Amino acid sequence: MISAQVVYGLLLCRLLHVLGTESKSHISVVLVGATGDLAKKYLWQGLFQSYAEQLGGAHSLSFYGGTRLSSLEASPVMYEILKGLSCLPNVPSVKCVLLKDQFLKSTQYHQLDTHEDYSALNKKIEETLAQEGLREEGRLFYLSIPAFAYANTATKINATCRPRGGSWLRVVLEKPFGHDLHSAQRLAEELQKVLREEEMYRIDHYLGKQKLLTIIWCGTPHIGGSLFFNEKVAHSSDCDGDAIIDILGVE
């Protein structure tokens, strides 16, 4: 069975590929909740896998990890996680060492708690773009935090970290989205005050997890190709034909 780490890697890689359509551009990826259990087990590995897949492609990537803790407290923890990353089995060991070193150099820790913290992150992103002469394509914020913190965090992102010009902003919400219909609707209303619908990706890593693993286990040779683009997928089901979700319009 394909591991959940590979699943996260494939999904993150496809997300960055779909978003990164312009040539010679730069995408900043911010993982909020960078030292949590999910980040440690899956997300950093998935981001590293995405980085390795897209290295040398049409756009460059930089990564920022953040928690509410100070750099002194959390930075060593995050970098211990990064040092434990692994390459896919088909990657030669020498190349793997090089990829890990490059990924570490492309990754920074930032405390992300207050409004001022997010403003400082925005300043750092803009300084990096200016110093390296990069044209910004967009910013992806991955919120691996409790759902009760979504609205507050999204408000700070909206107020301080929106990119300029025509660059895009995307926010991935990673956790069960509410505990019932009413709480999910209330949370959606709060988020829609600061984010547009097309700027949000909602991921419940429990709902459909086994089904997703089953899809990949079906063995389609096009897992990394264009068949998962929204214009070609209208409905999803597993090997037994059980419906999972209609995804017309997924971007």
Protein backbone atom coordinates (compact mmCIF):
# COMPACT_ATOMS: atom_id res chain seq x y z
CA MET A 1 0.00 0.00 0.00
CA ILE A 2 1.27 3.46 -0.89
CA SER A 3 2.04 5.47 2.26
CA ALA A 4 0.18 8.58 3.35
CA GLN A 5 3.45 10.51 2.93
CA VAL A 6 3.42 9.74 -0.79
CA VAL A 7 -0.25 10.75 -1.01
CA TYR A 8 0.44 14.14 0.57
CA GLY A 9 3.43 14.59 -1.72
CA LEU A 10 1.38 13.89 -4.82
CA LEU A 11 -1.45 16.19 -3.78
CA LEU A 12 0.85 19.07 -2.85
CA CYS A 13 2.82 18.62 -6.05
CA ARG A 14 -0.35 18.73 -8.16
CA LEU A 15 -1.60 21.78 -6.27
CA LEU A 16 1.63 23.71 -6.85
CA HIS A 17 1.70 22.56 -10.48
CA VAL A 18 -1.83 23.80 -11.16
CA LEU A 19 -1.20 27.11 -9.40
CA GLY A 20 2.24 27.67 -10.91
CA THR A 21 1.42 28.25 -14.54
CA GLU A 22 3.58 31.27 -15.34
CA SER A 23 7.23 30.98 -16.38
CA LYS A 24 10.14 32.44 -14.41
CA SER A 25 8.03 33.14 -11.35
CA HIS A 26 8.22 32.49 -7.62
CA ILE A 27 5.84 30.85 -5.14
CA SER A 28 6.15 31.27 -1.37
CA VAL A 29 4.77 28.37 0.70
CA VAL A 30 4.00 29.02 4.38
CA LEU A 31 3.24 26.09 6.70
CA VAL A 32 1.47 27.39 9.82
CA GLY A 33 1.72 24.75 12.53
CA ALA A 34 5.15 23.70 11.34
CA THR A 35 6.11 21.51 14.30
CA GLY A 36 2.81 19.73 14.89
CA ASP A 37 2.24 16.00 14.55
CA LEU A 38 0.71 16.22 11.07
CA ALA A 39 3.52 18.46 9.83
CA LYS A 40 6.12 16.11 11.28
CA LYS A 41 4.60 12.93 9.87
CA TYR A 42 3.35 14.07 6.47
CA LEU A 43 3.37 17.73 5.47
CA TRP A 44 7.09 18.55 5.45
CA GLN A 45 7.74 15.27 3.65
CA GLY A 46 5.06 16.17 1.12
CA LEU A 47 6.49 19.66 0.60
CA PHE A 48 9.98 18.24 0.16
CA GLN A 49 8.67 15.74 -2.37
CA SER A 50 6.94 18.58 -4.24
CA TYR A 51 10.14 20.62 -4.19
CA ALA A 52 12.16 17.71 -5.57
CA GLU A 53 9.62 17.09 -8.34
CA GLN A 54 9.54 20.74 -9.45
CA LEU A 55 13.19 21.70 -9.00
CA GLY A 56 14.43 23.38 -12.17
CA GLY A 57 10.89 23.89 -13.45
CA ALA A 58 9.11 27.03 -14.61
CA HIS A 59 8.88 28.53 -11.13
CA SER A 60 11.02 28.64 -7.99
CA LEU A 61 9.85 27.90 -4.46
CA SER A 62 10.65 29.11 -0.97
CA PHE A 63 9.26 27.68 2.26
CA TYR A 64 8.45 29.22 5.62
CA GLY A 65 7.46 27.30 8.72
CA GLY A 66 5.76 29.02 11.61
CA THR A 67 4.18 28.44 15.01
CA ARG A 68 3.17 30.67 17.91
CA LEU A 69 6.48 29.89 19.63
CA SER A 70 9.64 31.98 19.37
CA SER A 71 12.41 31.05 16.97
CA LEU A 72 14.59 30.04 19.91
CA GLU A 73 12.00 27.50 21.06
CA ALA A 74 10.63 26.11 17.79
CA SER A 75 13.32 26.55 15.14
CA PRO A 76 15.49 23.64 16.42
CA VAL A 77 12.42 21.40 16.50
CA MET A 78 11.49 22.25 12.92
CA TYR A 79 14.99 21.70 11.61
CA GLU A 80 15.17 18.30 13.32
CA ILE A 81 12.05 17.39 11.34
CA LEU A 82 13.63 18.63 8.11
CA LYS A 83 16.82 16.65 8.70
CA GLY A 84 14.73 13.48 8.88
CA LEU A 85 13.17 13.89 5.42
CA SER A 86 13.65 11.11 2.90
CA CYS A 87 13.67 10.83 -0.88
CA LEU A 88 11.65 8.44 -2.99
CA PRO A 89 13.28 5.02 -3.49
CA ASN A 90 14.21 5.76 -7.12
CA VAL A 91 16.30 8.84 -6.20
CA PRO A 92 20.08 8.11 -6.01
CA SER A 93 21.56 8.71 -2.57
CA VAL A 94 23.99 11.39 -3.80
CA LYS A 95 21.18 13.34 -5.44
CA CYS A 96 19.04 12.91 -2.33
CA VAL A 97 21.69 14.52 -0.13
CA LEU A 98 21.88 17.45 -2.54
CA LEU A 99 18.11 17.86 -2.68
CA LYS A 100 17.80 17.86 1.12
CA ASP A 101 20.57 20.45 1.43
CA GLN A 102 18.90 22.71 -1.14
CA PHE A 103 15.51 22.31 0.53
CA LEU A 104 16.96 23.24 3.93
CA LYS A 105 18.51 26.37 2.42
CA SER A 106 15.13 27.29 0.90
CA THR A 107 13.31 26.94 4.24
CA GLN A 108 13.09 29.39 7.15
CA TYR A 109 11.33 29.49 10.50
CA HIS A 110 9.25 32.52 11.52
CA GLN A 111 7.23 33.05 14.65
CA LEU A 112 3.61 33.51 13.56
CA ASP A 113 1.44 34.62 16.44
CA THR A 114 0.66 38.33 16.40
CA HIS A 115 -0.35 40.74 13.66
CA GLU A 116 3.22 42.07 13.77
CA ASP A 117 4.63 38.58 13.21
CA TYR A 118 2.67 38.19 9.99
CA SER A 119 3.71 41.67 8.89
CA ALA A 120 7.35 40.69 9.46
CA LEU A 121 6.84 37.57 7.34
CA ASN A 122 5.35 39.64 4.53
CA LYS A 123 8.34 41.99 4.70
CA LYS A 124 10.73 39.03 4.51
CA ILE A 125 8.97 37.59 1.46
CA GLU A 126 9.07 40.93 -0.33
CA GLU A 127 12.75 41.42 0.55
CA THR A 128 13.60 37.98 -0.85
CA LEU A 129 11.76 38.72 -4.09
CA ALA A 130 13.52 42.07 -4.48
CA GLN A 131 17.00 40.81 -3.62
CA GLU A 132 16.81 37.88 -6.02
CA GLY A 133 14.96 39.77 -8.77
CA LEU A 134 12.03 37.36 -8.74
CA ARG A 135 8.56 37.98 -10.10
CA GLU A 136 5.98 36.80 -7.60
CA GLU A 137 3.36 34.39 -8.83
CA GLY A 138 1.59 33.71 -5.56
CA ARG A 139 1.58 32.68 -1.92
CA LEU A 140 0.26 29.44 -0.48
CA PHE A 141 -0.57 29.31 3.24
CA TYR A 142 -1.13 25.82 4.65
CA LEU A 143 -2.96 25.99 8.00
CA SER A 144 -2.15 22.84 9.96
CA ILE A 145 -3.71 24.26 13.12
CA PRO A 146 -6.90 23.72 15.15
CA ALA A 147 -10.04 24.80 13.32
CA PHE A 148 -10.94 27.32 16.04
CA ALA A 149 -7.83 29.30 15.02
CA TYR A 150 -8.71 29.47 11.31
CA ALA A 151 -10.65 32.73 11.29
CA ASN A 152 -8.14 34.64 13.40
CA THR A 153 -5.21 33.40 11.34
CA ALA A 154 -6.97 34.08 8.03
CA THR A 155 -7.74 37.62 9.22
CA LYS A 156 -4.04 38.24 9.87
CA ILE A 157 -3.07 36.79 6.50
CA ASN A 158 -5.62 38.95 4.72
CA ALA A 159 -4.51 42.11 6.54
CA THR A 160 -0.75 41.68 6.18
CA CYS A 161 0.31 39.02 3.69
CA ARG A 162 -1.67 39.55 0.52
CA PRO A 163 0.68 39.70 -2.47
CA ARG A 164 0.67 42.75 -4.69
CA GLY A 165 -0.55 43.13 -8.24
CA GLY A 166 -2.04 40.15 -9.97
CA SER A 167 -0.33 37.52 -7.81
CA TRP A 168 -2.64 34.97 -6.22
CA LEU A 169 -3.26 33.97 -2.60
CA ARG A 170 -4.37 30.48 -1.57
CA VAL A 171 -5.09 29.21 1.95
CA VAL A 172 -5.31 25.48 2.65
CA LEU A 173 -7.44 24.60 5.69
CA GLU A 174 -6.21 21.28 7.08
CA LYS A 175 -8.40 19.76 9.76
CA PRO A 176 -12.00 18.59 10.17
CA PHE A 177 -14.03 21.62 9.04
CA GLY A 178 -16.36 22.03 12.00
CA HIS A 179 -17.96 19.26 14.04
CA ASP A 180 -21.44 19.46 12.51
CA LEU A 181 -23.33 21.32 9.77
CA HIS A 182 -24.03 24.39 11.89
CA SER A 183 -20.43 24.82 13.06
CA ALA A 184 -19.14 24.27 9.51
CA GLN A 185 -21.51 26.91 8.15
CA ARG A 186 -20.52 29.38 10.87
CA LEU A 187 -16.83 28.82 10.19
CA ALA A 188 -17.39 29.26 6.45
CA GLU A 189 -19.15 32.58 7.08
CA GLU A 190 -16.26 33.83 9.22
CA LEU A 191 -13.68 32.88 6.61
CA GLN A 192 -15.65 34.44 3.75
CA LYS A 193 -15.32 37.81 5.47
CA VAL A 194 -11.57 37.84 4.76
CA LEU A 195 -11.00 35.30 1.97
CA ARG A 196 -12.68 34.78 -1.39
CA GLU A 197 -14.05 31.33 -2.09
CA GLU A 198 -11.49 30.65 -4.82
CA GLU A 199 -8.71 31.42 -2.34
CA MET A 200 -9.65 28.57 0.00
CA TYR A 201 -8.89 24.85 -0.16
CA ARG A 202 -10.58 22.72 2.50
CA ILE A 203 -8.92 19.41 3.33
CA ASP A 204 -10.26 16.94 5.88
CA HIS A 205 -7.44 14.45 6.34
CA TYR A 206 -9.77 11.89 7.91
CA LEU A 207 -12.75 12.06 5.56
CA GLY A 208 -12.00 9.97 2.49
CA LYS A 209 -8.44 9.10 3.52
CA GLN A 210 -8.81 5.37 2.86
CA LYS A 211 -10.71 6.05 -0.36
CA LEU A 212 -7.92 8.29 -1.61
CA LEU A 213 -5.34 5.61 -0.88
CA THR A 214 -7.53 3.16 -2.77
CA ILE A 215 -7.71 5.43 -5.82
CA ILE A 216 -3.93 5.58 -6.04
CA TRP A 217 -3.66 1.84 -5.42
CA CYS A 218 -5.83 1.28 -8.50
CA GLY A 219 -2.61 1.81 -10.40
CA THR A 220 -3.45 4.50 -12.93
CA PRO A 221 -0.26 5.45 -14.82
CA HIS A 222 -1.49 9.04 -15.04
CA ILE A 223 -1.26 9.91 -11.33
CA GLY A 224 1.19 12.73 -12.08
CA GLY A 225 -0.31 13.71 -15.40
CA SER A 226 -3.14 15.90 -16.57
CA LEU A 227 -5.99 13.51 -15.76
CA PHE A 228 -6.37 15.01 -12.26
CA PHE A 229 -6.92 18.54 -13.64
CA ASN A 230 -10.37 19.98 -13.01
CA GLU A 231 -11.30 20.14 -16.71
CA LYS A 232 -10.94 16.35 -17.00
CA VAL A 233 -12.42 15.12 -13.70
CA ALA A 234 -16.16 15.34 -13.11
CA HIS A 235 -16.64 12.57 -10.56
CA SER A 236 -14.45 10.42 -8.33
CA SER A 237 -14.93 6.81 -7.26
CA ASP A 238 -12.76 4.01 -5.95
CA CYS A 239 -11.88 0.67 -7.56
CA ASP A 240 -15.16 -0.81 -6.42
CA GLY A 241 -17.16 1.97 -8.04
CA ASP A 242 -18.18 3.66 -4.78
CA ALA A 243 -18.77 7.38 -5.24
CA ILE A 244 -16.57 9.73 -3.22
CA ILE A 245 -17.22 13.29 -4.34
CA ASP A 246 -18.17 15.32 -7.38
CA ILE A 247 -15.35 17.75 -8.11
CA LEU A 248 -16.46 19.73 -11.13
CA GLY A 249 -14.90 23.16 -10.86
CA VAL A 250 -12.01 22.13 -8.60
CA GLU A 251 -9.07 24.46 -9.27
